[in-house]
Amino acid sequence: MDVELAIRAEGLKLKLPYLHRERNDHRTAHDFMSQMISDGQKCFKKAGPKEHEPYNEAIEAFREADKLLTSWGNKASHSFDIMRNEAAKLVETCETALGFLDCQECKKSVSRLDDENAEFTQCQCGDLRWRYGKA
């Protein structure tokens, strides 16, 4: 998740505070996920009946993944005491959260197309949008 979220965060133009020297390169999944949760409440939109609406379902999935990453993921990276069922739930929850960043209609990432003038990135069909200018 550390690597995958770093790639996704760059595509979403996620704004993270600068960390001195190599600490900037050692961000964890929690750093990216917590910023996606914070910004996503204003920035992550899904097409609704009339206009794009906040994608609250995705934010809840991000929160759930962040909880498990913080408790089980971090613990598991430093010892071998995570149980098989906990590991399976962690992987499933993280995959579900990442799935919200890909459109169910066109199967493309929300960072597929970038409109720099409007300050948003979207999937190919426009169903999902991340308005990075709102963060």
C-alpha atoms as a PDB file:
ATOM      1  CA  MET A   1       0.000   0.000   0.000  1.00  0.00           C
ATOM      2  CA  ASP A   2       2.915   2.371   0.655  1.00  0.00           C
ATOM      3  CA  VAL A   3       3.993   2.117  -2.988  1.00  0.00           C
ATOM      4  CA  GLU A   4       0.532   1.925  -4.574  1.00  0.00           C
ATOM      5  CA  LEU A   5      -0.816   4.902  -2.614  1.00  0.00           C
ATOM      6  CA  ALA A   6       2.268   6.974  -3.460  1.00  0.00           C
ATOM      7  CA  ILE A   7       1.588   6.390  -7.163  1.00  0.00           C
ATOM      8  CA  ARG A   8      -2.136   7.129  -6.797  1.00  0.00           C
ATOM      9  CA  ALA A   9      -1.465  10.253  -4.677  1.00  0.00           C
ATOM     10  CA  GLU A  10       0.795  11.656  -7.378  1.00  0.00           C
ATOM     11  CA  GLY A  11      -1.904  11.110 -10.003  1.00  0.00           C
ATOM     12  CA  LEU A  12      -4.460  12.898  -7.803  1.00  0.00           C
ATOM     13  CA  LYS A  13      -2.005  15.770  -7.192  1.00  0.00           C
ATOM     14  CA  LEU A  14      -2.433  15.195  -3.476  1.00  0.00           C
ATOM     15  CA  LYS A  15      -0.806  17.942  -1.435  1.00  0.00           C
ATOM     16  CA  LEU A  16       1.308  16.603   1.393  1.00  0.00           C
ATOM     17  CA  PRO A  17       3.534  18.680   3.653  1.00  0.00           C
ATOM     18  CA  TYR A  18       7.220  18.626   2.818  1.00  0.00           C
ATOM     19  CA  LEU A  19       9.327  16.499   5.121  1.00  0.00           C
ATOM     20  CA  HIS A  20      13.030  17.250   5.535  1.00  0.00           C
ATOM     21  CA  ARG A  21      15.509  15.218   3.445  1.00  0.00           C
ATOM     22  CA  GLU A  22      14.893  11.486   3.011  1.00  0.00           C
ATOM     23  CA  ARG A  23      11.889  11.548   5.376  1.00  0.00           C
ATOM     24  CA  ASN A  24       9.927  12.887   2.401  1.00  0.00           C
ATOM     25  CA  ASP A  25      10.598   9.586   0.579  1.00  0.00           C
ATOM     26  CA  HIS A  26       9.673   7.393   3.536  1.00  0.00           C
ATOM     27  CA  ARG A  27       5.979   8.175   3.766  1.00  0.00           C
ATOM     28  CA  THR A  28       3.724   5.301   4.712  1.00  0.00           C
ATOM     29  CA  ALA A  29       0.290   4.293   3.508  1.00  0.00           C
ATOM     30  CA  HIS A  30      -1.217   6.059   6.525  1.00  0.00           C
ATOM     31  CA  ASP A  31       0.306   9.393   5.429  1.00  0.00           C
ATOM     32  CA  PHE A  32      -1.270   9.124   1.995  1.00  0.00           C
ATOM     33  CA  MET A  33      -4.552   7.624   3.178  1.00  0.00           C
ATOM     34  CA  SER A  34      -5.169  10.241   5.867  1.00  0.00           C
ATOM     35  CA  GLN A  35      -4.588  13.045   3.340  1.00  0.00           C
ATOM     36  CA  MET A  36      -6.899  11.337   0.827  1.00  0.00           C
ATOM     37  CA  ILE A  37      -9.596  11.118   3.510  1.00  0.00           C
ATOM     38  CA  SER A  38      -9.150  14.749   4.488  1.00  0.00           C
ATOM     39  CA  ASP A  39      -9.062  16.153   0.944  1.00  0.00           C
ATOM     40  CA  GLY A  40     -11.480  13.609  -0.485  1.00  0.00           C
ATOM     41  CA  GLN A  41     -14.402  14.982   1.486  1.00  0.00           C
ATOM     42  CA  LYS A  42     -14.275  18.074  -0.746  1.00  0.00           C
ATOM     43  CA  CYS A  43     -12.385  16.780  -3.763  1.00  0.00           C
ATOM     44  CA  PHE A  44     -13.652  13.281  -4.611  1.00  0.00           C
ATOM     45  CA  LYS A  45     -16.891  13.388  -6.608  1.00  0.00           C
ATOM     46  CA  LYS A  46     -19.058  10.828  -8.364  1.00  0.00           C
ATOM     47  CA  ALA A  47     -21.622  11.637 -11.032  1.00  0.00           C
ATOM     48  CA  GLY A  48     -25.098  11.952  -9.543  1.00  0.00           C
ATOM     49  CA  PRO A  49     -28.537  12.408 -11.104  1.00  0.00           C
ATOM     50  CA  LYS A  50     -27.955  16.121 -11.810  1.00  0.00           C
ATOM     51  CA  GLU A  51     -24.309  16.886 -11.014  1.00  0.00           C
ATOM     52  CA  HIS A  52     -21.234  15.401  -9.367  1.00  0.00           C
ATOM     53  CA  GLU A  53     -21.745  14.686  -5.667  1.00  0.00           C
ATOM     54  CA  PRO A  54     -19.313  13.848  -2.839  1.00  0.00           C
ATOM     55  CA  TYR A  55     -18.247  10.209  -3.015  1.00  0.00           C
ATOM     56  CA  ASN A  56     -18.892   9.414   0.657  1.00  0.00           C
ATOM     57  CA  GLU A  57     -18.850   5.650   0.140  1.00  0.00           C
ATOM     58  CA  ALA A  58     -15.228   5.882  -1.037  1.00  0.00           C
ATOM     59  CA  ILE A  59     -14.211   8.051   1.927  1.00  0.00           C
ATOM     60  CA  GLU A  60     -15.677   5.480   4.328  1.00  0.00           C
ATOM     61  CA  ALA A  61     -13.731   2.708   2.574  1.00  0.00           C
ATOM     62  CA  PHE A  62     -10.555   4.819   2.888  1.00  0.00           C
ATOM     63  CA  ARG A  63     -11.235   5.287   6.622  1.00  0.00           C
ATOM     64  CA  GLU A  64     -11.697   1.555   7.155  1.00  0.00           C
ATOM     65  CA  ALA A  65      -8.500   0.730   5.263  1.00  0.00           C
ATOM     66  CA  ASP A  66      -6.565   3.386   7.185  1.00  0.00           C
ATOM     67  CA  LYS A  67      -7.764   1.956  10.513  1.00  0.00           C
ATOM     68  CA  LEU A  68      -6.546  -1.522   9.613  1.00  0.00           C
ATOM     69  CA  LEU A  69      -3.306  -0.266   8.073  1.00  0.00           C
ATOM     70  CA  THR A  70      -2.520   1.672  11.226  1.00  0.00           C
ATOM     71  CA  SER A  71      -3.318  -1.165  13.611  1.00  0.00           C
ATOM     72  CA  TRP A  72      -2.572  -4.420  11.773  1.00  0.00           C
ATOM     73  CA  GLY A  73      -0.455  -3.274   8.842  1.00  0.00           C
ATOM     74  CA  ASN A  74       2.064  -1.395  10.913  1.00  0.00           C
ATOM     75  CA  LYS A  75       2.208  -4.113  13.567  1.00  0.00           C
ATOM     76  CA  ALA A  76       2.664  -6.791  10.913  1.00  0.00           C
ATOM     77  CA  SER A  77       5.520  -4.959   9.237  1.00  0.00           C
ATOM     78  CA  HIS A  78       7.597  -5.167  12.420  1.00  0.00           C
ATOM     79  CA  SER A  79       6.743  -8.635  13.727  1.00  0.00           C
ATOM     80  CA  PHE A  80       5.140 -11.911  12.718  1.00  0.00           C
ATOM     81  CA  ASP A  81       2.163 -11.865  15.047  1.00  0.00           C
ATOM     82  CA  ILE A  82      -0.614 -11.052  12.567  1.00  0.00           C
ATOM     83  CA  MET A  83      -3.045 -13.916  12.097  1.00  0.00           C
ATOM     84  CA  ARG A  84      -3.942 -15.303   8.666  1.00  0.00           C
ATOM     85  CA  ASN A  85      -7.576 -14.118   8.921  1.00  0.00           C
ATOM     86  CA  GLU A  86      -6.407 -10.615   9.944  1.00  0.00           C
ATOM     87  CA  ALA A  87      -4.012 -10.491   7.000  1.00  0.00           C
ATOM     88  CA  ALA A  88      -6.776 -11.604   4.623  1.00  0.00           C
ATOM     89  CA  LYS A  89      -9.143  -8.941   5.957  1.00  0.00           C
ATOM     90  CA  LEU A  90      -6.418  -6.281   5.680  1.00  0.00           C
ATOM     91  CA  VAL A  91      -5.671  -7.184   2.063  1.00  0.00           C
ATOM     92  CA  GLU A  92      -9.375  -7.320   1.152  1.00  0.00           C
ATOM     93  CA  THR A  93     -10.097  -3.960   2.816  1.00  0.00           C
ATOM     94  CA  CYS A  94      -7.136  -2.295   1.091  1.00  0.00           C
ATOM     95  CA  GLU A  95      -8.106  -3.712  -2.306  1.00  0.00           C
ATOM     96  CA  THR A  96     -11.668  -2.470  -1.794  1.00  0.00           C
ATOM     97  CA  ALA A  97     -10.420   1.028  -0.926  1.00  0.00           C
ATOM     98  CA  LEU A  98      -8.128   1.119  -3.962  1.00  0.00           C
ATOM     99  CA  GLY A  99     -11.030  -0.077  -6.119  1.00  0.00           C
ATOM    100  CA  PHE A 100     -12.884   3.159  -5.432  1.00  0.00           C
ATOM    101  CA  LEU A 101     -10.144   5.040  -7.292  1.00  0.00           C
ATOM    102  CA  ASP A 102     -11.080   3.186 -10.491  1.00  0.00           C
ATOM    103  CA  CYS A 103     -14.344   3.849 -12.309  1.00  0.00           C
ATOM    104  CA  GLN A 104     -16.875   1.022 -12.364  1.00  0.00           C
ATOM    105  CA  GLU A 105     -18.162   2.204 -15.763  1.00  0.00           C
ATOM    106  CA  CYS A 106     -15.025   2.733 -17.894  1.00  0.00           C
ATOM    107  CA  LYS A 107     -12.592   0.788 -15.649  1.00  0.00           C
ATOM    108  CA  LYS A 108     -10.071   3.686 -15.757  1.00  0.00           C
ATOM    109  CA  SER A 109      -8.406   5.449 -12.854  1.00  0.00           C
ATOM    110  CA  VAL A 110      -9.823   8.734 -11.574  1.00  0.00           C
ATOM    111  CA  SER A 111      -6.441  10.230 -12.483  1.00  0.00           C
ATOM    112  CA  ARG A 112      -6.697   9.119 -16.120  1.00  0.00           C
ATOM    113  CA  LEU A 113      -7.454  12.540 -17.624  1.00  0.00           C
ATOM    114  CA  ASP A 114      -6.273  15.872 -16.243  1.00  0.00           C
ATOM    115  CA  ASP A 115      -7.889  19.254 -16.936  1.00  0.00           C
ATOM    116  CA  GLU A 116      -5.324  21.711 -15.610  1.00  0.00           C
ATOM    117  CA  ASN A 117      -7.540  24.746 -16.335  1.00  0.00           C
ATOM    118  CA  ALA A 118     -10.405  23.395 -14.201  1.00  0.00           C
ATOM    119  CA  GLU A 119      -7.992  21.809 -11.681  1.00  0.00           C
ATOM    120  CA  PHE A 120      -9.481  18.342 -11.684  1.00  0.00           C
ATOM    121  CA  THR A 121      -8.589  14.893 -12.863  1.00  0.00           C
ATOM    122  CA  GLN A 122     -11.159  12.287 -13.872  1.00  0.00           C
ATOM    123  CA  CYS A 123     -11.703   8.844 -15.302  1.00  0.00           C
ATOM    124  CA  GLN A 124     -12.192   8.451 -19.036  1.00  0.00           C
ATOM    125  CA  CYS A 125     -16.000   8.624 -18.953  1.00  0.00           C
ATOM    126  CA  GLY A 126     -16.158  11.454 -16.397  1.00  0.00           C
ATOM    127  CA  ASP A 127     -18.122   9.492 -13.785  1.00  0.00           C
ATOM    128  CA  LEU A 128     -15.383  10.033 -11.148  1.00  0.00           C
ATOM    129  CA  ARG A 129     -13.593  13.327 -10.484  1.00  0.00           C
ATOM    130  CA  TRP A 130     -10.921  14.503  -8.099  1.00  0.00           C
ATOM    131  CA  ARG A 131     -10.944  18.315  -7.878  1.00  0.00           C
ATOM    132  CA  TYR A 132      -7.394  18.967  -6.698  1.00  0.00           C
ATOM    133  CA  GLY A 133      -7.934  22.711  -6.903  1.00  0.00           C
ATOM    134  CA  LYS A 134     -10.400  22.433  -3.990  1.00  0.00           C
ATOM    135  CA  ALA A 135      -7.936  20.969  -1.467  1.00  0.00           C
END
